Amino acid sequence: MSDPVTVTDIRRARERFDPDIVRETPVERSRSLSEMSGADVRLKMEHLQRTGSFKTRGASTKIAEIADAGEGERSEPSKRTASDVSREHGDAERVVAASAGNHAQGVALAATNAGIPATVVMPEDAPQAKVDATRGYGAEVVLRGREFQEAVAHARDLASEPGSVFVHAYDDPAIVAGQGTLGLELAEQVPDLDTVIVPIGGGGLIAGVATALAAVAPEVRVVGVQAEEAATVPESLDKGEPVDREHTRTIADGIATGGVADLTYELIERHVDEVVTVSDDEIAHAVLTLLQRAKQLVEGAGAASVAGLLSGRIDVTDETVVPLLCGGNIDMSLLDTVLEHAMTDRDQLLRLRVRIEDEPGELSTLSTVLADRGANVCHVRHDRAVEDLRVGEAYLVFEVATAGREHAGQLLDAIRDRGYEVTRVN
């Protein structure tokens, strides 16, 4: 059985790229991640695309076809081949898309560049940074629903209007072909590649990359990574058909699609070697590790590949491995939450509750204990209205920045040595 997307389609997509819209992103070796994993780790810096995501590749390919052919979707996308669009004619007055953020920006930029108006439907809780960026690239943004599939349903309603063409985020051969160009780049940039680790949302990226590598470097292992709370691919592979989830909740909003398409499922089943899942804690840890050790700021979806690498669930010992950093559009408020969570997990951020006699000088004494041992007090408060306190007692609750687990243990010991009852509360 032939693939619905072929390496010929992928090469054709690559030849049509406008270098002002889609760039070839660099690959850089990470000494730190190599030491942590026991592999030779090279990071594919796809978050350095103009829109901060690989999605520009697929969107540019689809918009170019629409601009050339005039009209897009007249049949179900999973039943169309990449060449079908060229046989459809008419004038597209508007493109419509649904996205959690990255596909939105890719469509907005490509459509504006082609002179086609774009309307993008995004979930109501989409990161504000992605909403603002999509508008900045020239698209009209409509916020609808709490789940990605609700946004998709509304976008399809809008696309049913005359002159409108729906641009799906992953259920389209042209989109998959565009994403697959990343696989061609990898084969050229890392000729000794053993394993590539790819985040999975709707499956467009891994389907395209795996299809490309199956043709040009079939010895390369392709491993997919999904967030546990959005892990529809392992369920789908077990059942033998695509399985959807109505509710997905993960900090990796870019891969919280709630399901894969028939198109992407078919290519994943045929060409992907393995799929693992990671927790939000592991994703948060990967975001912080990339920021600290690789000096790269990526979003949760972009860090999922590194979370998979560091999870120990993929045997990469002595291999040359490329995790794809597929997106860098992280909302600053979410970044703050992710970093706080990851720092807490590493004991670099402590909340300590110290029982004191509610007398003058106690705060000063404890602050001195912490300062003498190099800890920085970020916040402090008194709690007096607590049931287990005796009259005349209080709790001092400190939020303290530390150098890590050993330092945190030293601080707890120092407070206890001064005769205080102290409890860690985070």
Protein backbone atom coordinates (compact mmCIF):
# COMPACT_ATOMS: atom_id res chain seq x y z
CA MET A 1 0.00 0.00 0.00
CA SER A 2 1.42 3.38 -0.99
CA ASP A 3 1.77 6.24 1.48
CA PRO A 4 -0.73 9.12 1.27
CA VAL A 5 2.32 11.40 1.52
CA THR A 6 5.58 10.48 -0.22
CA VAL A 7 9.14 11.74 -0.11
CA THR A 8 8.49 13.24 -3.55
CA ASP A 9 5.72 15.39 -2.04
CA ILE A 10 8.08 16.40 0.76
CA ARG A 11 10.90 17.34 -1.62
CA ARG A 12 8.45 19.34 -3.74
CA ALA A 13 7.28 21.21 -0.62
CA ARG A 14 10.87 22.05 0.29
CA GLU A 15 11.61 23.41 -3.19
CA ARG A 16 8.70 25.85 -2.90
CA PHE A 17 9.66 27.40 0.43
CA ASP A 18 10.11 31.15 0.56
CA PRO A 19 13.36 31.66 2.53
CA ASP A 20 11.84 34.77 4.12
CA ILE A 21 9.14 32.56 5.64
CA VAL A 22 10.81 29.18 6.27
CA ARG A 23 14.47 28.80 7.19
CA GLU A 24 16.78 25.84 7.62
CA THR A 25 17.28 25.71 11.37
CA PRO A 26 20.61 24.78 12.98
CA VAL A 27 21.60 21.65 14.88
CA GLU A 28 23.79 22.10 17.96
CA ARG A 29 25.46 19.52 20.19
CA SER A 30 24.53 19.67 23.89
CA ARG A 31 27.40 18.55 26.11
CA SER A 32 25.19 18.66 29.22
CA LEU A 33 22.37 16.55 27.78
CA SER A 34 24.92 14.14 26.35
CA GLU A 35 26.39 13.61 29.82
CA MET A 36 22.93 13.21 31.37
CA SER A 37 21.73 10.64 28.81
CA GLY A 38 24.87 8.74 27.84
CA ALA A 39 24.32 9.64 24.19
CA ASP A 40 25.69 12.15 21.70
CA VAL A 41 22.81 14.64 21.81
CA ARG A 42 22.27 17.18 19.03
CA LEU A 43 19.41 19.65 19.41
CA LYS A 44 17.38 20.57 16.32
CA MET A 45 16.60 24.25 16.89
CA GLU A 46 13.23 24.41 15.17
CA HIS A 47 12.05 26.94 17.76
CA LEU A 48 14.25 29.43 15.90
CA GLN A 49 11.87 29.54 12.94
CA ARG A 50 10.47 33.00 12.26
CA THR A 51 7.19 32.13 13.97
CA GLY A 52 8.97 30.19 16.71
CA SER A 53 7.68 26.81 15.52
CA PHE A 54 7.94 24.10 12.86
CA LYS A 55 4.30 24.79 11.95
CA THR A 56 5.44 27.40 9.44
CA ARG A 57 6.64 24.58 7.17
CA GLY A 58 3.27 22.91 6.77
CA ALA A 59 1.29 26.14 6.69
CA SER A 60 3.50 27.59 3.95
CA THR A 61 3.12 24.44 1.87
CA LYS A 62 -0.66 24.45 2.18
CA ILE A 63 -1.09 28.17 1.58
CA ALA A 64 1.16 27.97 -1.51
CA GLU A 65 -1.07 25.24 -2.93
CA ILE A 66 -4.20 27.25 -2.19
CA ALA A 67 -2.70 30.34 -3.79
CA ASP A 68 -1.70 28.36 -6.90
CA ALA A 69 -4.77 26.19 -7.26
CA GLY A 70 -7.30 28.72 -6.06
CA GLU A 71 -9.32 26.55 -3.69
CA GLY A 72 -8.64 23.93 -1.08
CA GLU A 73 -10.81 21.50 0.74
CA ARG A 74 -13.63 19.86 -1.23
CA SER A 75 -13.33 16.40 0.27
CA GLU A 76 -12.31 14.99 3.61
CA PRO A 77 -8.61 15.79 4.08
CA SER A 78 -7.61 12.26 5.07
CA LYS A 79 -8.93 10.96 1.73
CA ARG A 80 -6.98 13.44 -0.40
CA THR A 81 -3.46 13.13 -1.69
CA ALA A 82 -0.96 15.96 -1.83
CA SER A 83 -1.61 16.39 -5.56
CA ASP A 84 -5.40 16.64 -5.34
CA VAL A 85 -5.36 20.36 -4.61
CA SER A 86 -3.74 21.11 -7.94
CA ARG A 87 -6.83 19.70 -9.67
CA GLU A 88 -9.22 22.01 -7.81
CA HIS A 89 -9.95 25.47 -9.12
CA GLY A 90 -11.62 28.62 -7.89
CA ASP A 91 -10.65 31.71 -5.93
CA ALA A 92 -10.02 31.47 -2.20
CA GLU A 93 -11.20 34.68 -0.54
CA ARG A 94 -10.16 33.59 2.96
CA VAL A 95 -8.38 30.77 4.76
CA VAL A 96 -9.67 29.54 8.12
CA ALA A 97 -7.70 27.55 10.67
CA ALA A 98 -7.98 26.28 14.22
CA SER A 99 -4.97 26.20 16.48
CA ALA A 100 -3.70 26.30 20.04
CA GLY A 101 -1.17 28.85 18.81
CA ASN A 102 1.72 27.66 16.65
CA HIS A 103 -0.25 26.58 13.58
CA ALA A 104 -2.14 29.85 13.93
CA GLN A 105 1.03 31.88 13.53
CA GLY A 106 2.24 29.80 10.62
CA VAL A 107 -1.05 30.21 8.76
CA ALA A 108 -1.23 33.92 9.56
CA LEU A 109 2.29 34.60 8.26
CA ALA A 110 1.98 32.44 5.14
CA ALA A 111 -1.47 33.78 4.24
CA THR A 112 -0.45 37.41 4.74
CA ASN A 113 2.61 36.79 2.59
CA ALA A 114 0.36 35.31 -0.14
CA GLY A 115 -2.13 38.17 0.11
CA ILE A 116 -4.97 35.96 1.41
CA PRO A 117 -7.01 37.04 4.48
CA ALA A 118 -6.87 34.57 7.36
CA THR A 119 -9.20 33.86 10.28
CA VAL A 120 -7.86 31.67 13.07
CA VAL A 121 -10.00 30.13 15.82
CA MET A 122 -8.11 29.51 19.07
CA PRO A 123 -9.24 28.05 22.42
CA GLU A 124 -10.31 30.63 24.97
CA ASP A 125 -7.39 29.74 27.22
CA ALA A 126 -4.77 29.92 24.45
CA PRO A 127 -1.58 31.63 25.68
CA GLN A 128 -1.89 35.39 25.21
CA ALA A 129 1.55 35.55 23.62
CA LYS A 130 0.37 33.24 20.83
CA VAL A 131 -2.87 35.17 20.36
CA ASP A 132 -0.99 38.47 20.10
CA ALA A 133 1.60 37.01 17.71
CA THR A 134 -1.11 35.57 15.44
CA ARG A 135 -2.80 38.95 15.21
CA GLY A 136 0.61 40.53 14.65
CA TYR A 137 1.15 38.33 11.59
CA GLY A 138 -2.08 39.69 10.11
CA ALA A 139 -4.82 37.20 10.98
CA GLU A 140 -8.20 37.79 12.57
CA VAL A 141 -8.36 35.78 15.81
CA VAL A 142 -11.59 34.28 17.17
CA LEU A 143 -11.52 32.72 20.65
CA ARG A 144 -13.94 29.81 21.04
CA GLY A 145 -14.20 26.89 23.47
CA ARG A 146 -11.97 25.45 26.16
CA GLU A 147 -10.75 22.46 24.16
CA PHE A 148 -8.91 22.36 20.84
CA GLN A 149 -11.63 20.25 19.20
CA GLU A 150 -14.23 22.94 20.03
CA ALA A 151 -12.08 25.47 18.20
CA VAL A 152 -11.82 23.08 15.24
CA ALA A 153 -15.60 22.66 15.08
CA HIS A 154 -16.18 26.42 15.01
CA ALA A 155 -13.47 26.93 12.40
CA ARG A 156 -15.14 24.35 10.16
CA ASP A 157 -18.42 26.23 10.51
CA LEU A 158 -16.69 29.44 9.40
CA ALA A 159 -14.97 27.62 6.54
CA SER A 160 -18.34 26.43 5.20
CA GLU A 161 -19.03 29.99 4.07
CA PRO A 162 -18.51 30.62 0.33
CA GLY A 163 -14.95 31.55 -0.62
CA SER A 164 -13.44 30.13 2.59
CA VAL A 165 -10.91 27.31 2.74
CA PHE A 166 -10.17 25.31 5.88
CA VAL A 167 -6.49 24.73 6.70
CA HIS A 168 -6.26 21.85 9.15
CA ALA A 169 -3.37 21.77 11.60
CA TYR A 170 -2.38 18.19 10.74
CA ASP A 171 -5.10 16.31 8.84
CA ASP A 172 -3.93 17.33 5.37
CA PRO A 173 -1.29 15.75 3.09
CA ALA A 174 0.13 19.15 2.18
CA ILE A 175 0.62 20.01 5.86
CA VAL A 176 2.31 16.67 6.53
CA ALA A 177 4.54 17.10 3.48
CA GLY A 178 5.63 20.52 4.69
CA GLN A 179 6.45 19.22 8.16
CA GLY A 180 8.34 16.33 6.58
CA THR A 181 10.94 18.71 5.17
CA LEU A 182 12.40 18.77 8.66
CA GLY A 183 13.25 15.09 8.22
CA LEU A 184 15.15 15.78 5.00
CA GLU A 185 17.15 18.50 6.77
CA LEU A 186 18.04 16.17 9.64
CA ALA A 187 19.33 13.47 7.32
CA GLU A 188 21.64 16.02 5.67
CA GLN A 189 22.74 17.80 8.84
CA VAL A 190 23.34 14.67 10.97
CA PRO A 191 24.47 11.88 8.61
CA ASP A 192 25.38 9.64 11.58
CA LEU A 193 21.93 10.00 13.15
CA ASP A 194 20.69 6.94 15.09
CA THR A 195 17.48 8.20 16.77
CA VAL A 196 15.24 11.22 16.39
CA ILE A 197 12.78 12.10 19.18
CA VAL A 198 9.66 13.93 18.07
CA PRO A 199 6.83 15.48 20.15
CA ILE A 200 3.36 14.34 19.06
CA GLY A 201 0.14 16.32 19.11
CA GLY A 202 -2.02 15.65 16.08
CA GLY A 203 0.82 13.73 14.49
CA GLY A 204 1.58 15.94 11.49
CA LEU A 205 5.22 16.52 12.43
CA ILE A 206 6.14 12.96 13.30
CA ALA A 207 4.21 11.59 10.32
CA GLY A 208 6.11 13.85 7.94
CA VAL A 209 9.51 13.36 9.56
CA ALA A 210 9.10 9.58 9.73
CA THR A 211 7.97 9.40 6.11
CA ALA A 212 10.98 11.43 4.95
CA LEU A 213 13.46 9.40 7.00
CA ALA A 214 11.93 6.08 5.91
CA ALA A 215 12.86 7.05 2.34
CA VAL A 216 16.27 8.71 2.77
CA ALA A 217 17.61 7.16 6.02
CA PRO A 218 15.59 4.04 6.84
CA GLU A 219 18.08 2.93 9.50
CA VAL A 220 17.15 5.90 11.73
CA ARG A 221 14.84 5.10 14.66
CA VAL A 222 11.90 7.49 15.06
CA VAL A 223 10.50 7.83 18.59
CA GLY A 224 7.44 9.88 19.46
CA VAL A 225 6.69 11.56 22.79
CA GLN A 226 3.27 12.58 24.13
CA ALA A 227 2.20 14.25 27.35
CA GLU A 228 0.49 11.73 29.64
CA GLU A 229 -2.73 13.74 29.86
CA ALA A 230 -2.98 13.97 26.06
CA ALA A 231 -1.54 10.57 25.11
CA THR A 232 -3.93 9.42 22.40
CA VAL A 233 -1.33 7.73 20.17
CA PRO A 234 -0.46 4.79 22.48
CA GLU A 235 -4.20 4.19 22.96
CA SER A 236 -4.76 4.42 19.20
CA LEU A 237 -1.95 1.98 18.40
CA ASP A 238 -3.30 -0.47 20.98
CA LYS A 239 -6.80 -0.25 19.52
CA GLY A 240 -5.69 -0.23 15.87
CA GLU A 241 -7.46 3.03 14.98
CA PRO A 242 -7.41 6.71 16.03
CA VAL A 243 -8.76 7.35 19.52
CA ASP A 244 -9.81 10.81 20.72
CA ARG A 245 -9.86 12.35 24.18
CA GLU A 246 -12.51 14.90 24.99
CA HIS A 247 -10.43 16.58 27.70
CA THR A 248 -6.69 17.20 27.69
CA ARG A 249 -4.81 19.15 30.34
CA THR A 250 -1.08 19.64 30.00
CA ILE A 251 1.43 22.48 30.17
CA ALA A 252 2.45 21.40 26.66
CA ASP A 253 -0.53 23.16 25.07
CA GLY A 254 0.97 22.86 21.59
CA ILE A 255 0.50 19.07 21.62
CA ALA A 256 -2.84 18.94 23.46
CA THR A 257 -4.89 18.19 20.32
CA GLY A 258 -7.01 15.41 21.81
CA GLY A 259 -6.38 13.00 18.95
CA VAL A 260 -4.69 12.17 15.67
CA ALA A 261 -6.22 11.90 12.21
CA ASP A 262 -6.64 8.81 10.04
CA LEU A 263 -3.93 10.27 7.81
CA THR A 264 -1.35 10.82 10.53
CA TYR A 265 -2.27 7.59 12.33
CA GLU A 266 -1.61 5.58 9.18
CA LEU A 267 1.84 7.11 8.72
CA ILE A 268 2.71 6.79 12.42
CA GLU A 269 1.71 3.12 12.47
CA ARG A 270 3.77 2.44 9.34
CA HIS A 271 6.95 4.43 10.02
CA VAL A 272 7.29 5.29 13.74
CA ASP A 273 9.26 2.80 15.81
CA GLU A 274 8.20 3.68 19.33
CA VAL A 275 6.00 6.08 21.33
CA VAL A 276 6.54 7.01 25.00
CA THR A 277 4.68 9.29 27.38
CA VAL A 278 5.99 11.88 29.85
CA SER A 279 4.44 13.72 32.78
CA ASP A 280 4.01 17.46 33.11
CA ASP A 281 6.62 17.34 35.89
CA GLU A 282 9.10 15.83 33.44
CA ILE A 283 8.22 18.43 30.80
CA ALA A 284 8.70 21.26 33.31
CA HIS A 285 12.07 19.77 34.29
CA ALA A 286 13.06 19.65 30.60
CA VAL A 287 12.09 23.32 30.08
CA LEU A 288 14.28 24.35 33.00
CA THR A 289 17.16 22.06 31.95
CA LEU A 290 17.17 23.50 28.43
CA LEU A 291 17.13 27.02 29.83
CA GLN A 292 19.91 26.40 32.36
CA ARG A 293 22.19 24.00 30.50
CA ALA A 294 21.55 24.64 26.78
CA LYS A 295 20.56 28.33 27.07
CA GLN A 296 17.45 27.65 24.98
CA LEU A 297 13.96 28.88 25.89
CA VAL A 298 11.30 26.50 24.60
CA GLU A 299 7.65 25.85 25.34
CA GLY A 300 6.29 22.66 26.88
CA ALA A 301 5.59 21.04 23.51
CA GLY A 302 9.08 21.91 22.36
CA ALA A 303 10.64 20.42 25.48
CA ALA A 304 8.64 17.17 25.38
CA SER A 305 11.33 15.51 23.26
CA VAL A 306 14.00 16.31 25.87
CA ALA A 307 11.63 15.11 28.61
CA GLY A 308 11.44 11.81 26.76
CA LEU A 309 15.22 11.69 26.41
CA LEU A 310 15.79 12.29 30.14
CA SER A 311 12.96 10.02 31.29
CA GLY A 312 15.00 6.85 30.85
CA ARG A 313 12.19 5.29 28.78
CA ILE A 314 14.20 5.45 25.55
CA ASP A 315 17.46 3.49 25.38
CA VAL A 316 19.89 5.85 23.62
CA THR A 317 23.18 4.70 25.14
CA ASP A 318 26.12 5.52 22.84
CA GLU A 319 23.79 6.69 20.08
CA THR A 320 23.65 9.94 18.15
CA VAL A 321 20.28 11.36 19.13
CA VAL A 322 18.36 14.43 17.98
CA PRO A 323 15.46 15.69 20.10
CA LEU A 324 13.38 18.16 18.10
CA LEU A 325 12.88 21.48 19.88
CA CYS A 326 9.76 22.14 17.86
CA GLY A 327 8.44 25.33 19.48
CA GLY A 328 9.54 28.29 21.55
CA ASN A 329 6.33 30.28 22.00
CA ILE A 330 5.91 29.97 25.74
CA ASP A 331 3.61 32.38 27.56
CA MET A 332 5.52 34.32 30.22
CA SER A 333 2.98 33.60 32.96
CA LEU A 334 3.16 29.90 32.14
CA LEU A 335 6.95 30.10 32.09
CA ASP A 336 6.85 31.52 35.61
CA THR A 337 4.61 28.66 36.74
CA VAL A 338 6.73 26.02 35.02
CA LEU A 339 9.98 27.35 36.45
CA GLU A 340 8.53 27.62 39.95
CA HIS A 341 7.29 24.05 39.74
CA ALA A 342 10.59 22.74 38.40
CA MET A 343 12.64 24.70 40.93
CA THR A 344 10.46 23.33 43.74
CA ASP A 345 11.04 19.81 42.47
CA ARG A 346 14.80 20.44 42.59
CA ASP A 347 14.65 21.95 46.10
CA GLN A 348 15.79 25.27 44.66
CA LEU A 349 12.59 26.91 45.91
CA LEU A 350 11.48 26.06 49.45
CA ARG A 351 8.46 27.03 51.51
CA LEU A 352 9.26 26.59 55.17
CA ARG A 353 6.81 26.91 58.04
CA VAL A 354 8.55 27.70 61.34
CA ARG A 355 6.71 27.64 64.68
CA ILE A 356 7.72 30.59 66.86
CA GLU A 357 6.82 32.45 70.02
CA ASP A 358 5.06 35.54 68.67
CA GLU A 359 7.54 38.00 70.12
CA PRO A 360 9.66 40.85 68.72
CA GLY A 361 12.93 39.72 67.15
CA GLU A 362 11.91 36.22 66.01
CA LEU A 363 11.69 37.22 62.35
CA SER A 364 15.06 38.91 62.61
CA THR A 365 16.64 35.84 64.21
CA LEU A 366 15.37 33.44 61.56
CA SER A 367 16.24 35.79 58.70
CA THR A 368 19.79 35.93 60.03
CA VAL A 369 20.00 32.13 60.20
CA LEU A 370 18.97 31.91 56.55
CA ALA A 371 21.18 34.79 55.40
CA ASP A 372 24.25 33.41 57.17
CA ARG A 373 23.88 30.25 55.09
CA GLY A 374 23.49 32.04 51.75
CA ALA A 375 19.74 31.66 51.28
CA ASN A 376 17.66 34.39 49.68
CA VAL A 377 14.25 35.04 51.26
CA CYS A 378 11.75 35.79 48.48
CA HIS A 379 8.60 36.11 50.61
CA VAL A 380 7.66 35.82 54.29
CA ARG A 381 4.37 36.03 56.20
CA HIS A 382 2.99 35.52 59.70
CA ASP A 383 0.17 33.02 60.27
CA ARG A 384 -1.53 33.41 63.63
CA ALA A 385 -5.09 32.17 63.07
CA VAL A 386 -4.18 28.48 62.86
CA GLU A 387 -6.01 25.89 64.94
CA ASP A 388 -3.01 23.97 66.26
CA LEU A 389 -1.22 27.07 67.60
CA ARG A 390 -1.32 27.95 71.29
CA VAL A 391 -2.07 31.49 72.38
CA GLY A 392 1.06 33.56 71.89
CA GLU A 393 2.44 31.38 69.08
CA ALA A 394 2.60 32.01 65.35
CA TYR A 395 3.95 30.45 62.19
CA LEU A 396 6.50 32.23 60.01
CA VAL A 397 6.19 30.97 56.43
CA PHE A 398 9.27 31.64 54.32
CA GLU A 399 9.71 31.20 50.56
CA VAL A 400 13.44 30.74 50.10
CA ALA A 401 15.65 30.39 47.01
CA THR A 402 18.43 27.83 47.47
CA ALA A 403 21.30 26.33 45.50
CA GLY A 404 19.69 22.88 45.46
CA ARG A 405 19.00 19.80 47.58
CA GLU A 406 22.16 19.84 49.67
CA HIS A 407 21.78 23.53 50.46
CA ALA A 408 18.10 23.04 51.31
CA GLY A 409 18.99 20.29 53.78
CA GLN A 410 21.57 22.54 55.43
CA LEU A 411 18.97 25.29 55.92
CA LEU A 412 16.48 22.94 57.57
CA ASP A 413 19.20 21.59 59.87
CA ALA A 414 20.32 25.11 60.83
CA ILE A 415 16.79 26.17 61.81
CA ARG A 416 16.27 23.02 63.87
CA ASP A 417 19.65 23.52 65.55
CA ARG A 418 18.35 26.85 66.85
CA GLY A 419 15.51 25.00 68.58
CA TYR A 420 12.69 25.74 66.12
CA GLU A 421 10.09 23.34 64.81
CA VAL A 422 10.24 23.64 61.00
CA THR A 423 8.21 21.93 58.28
CA ARG A 424 8.64 22.03 54.54
CA VAL A 425 5.22 22.83 53.03
CA ASN A 426 5.87 22.58 49.26
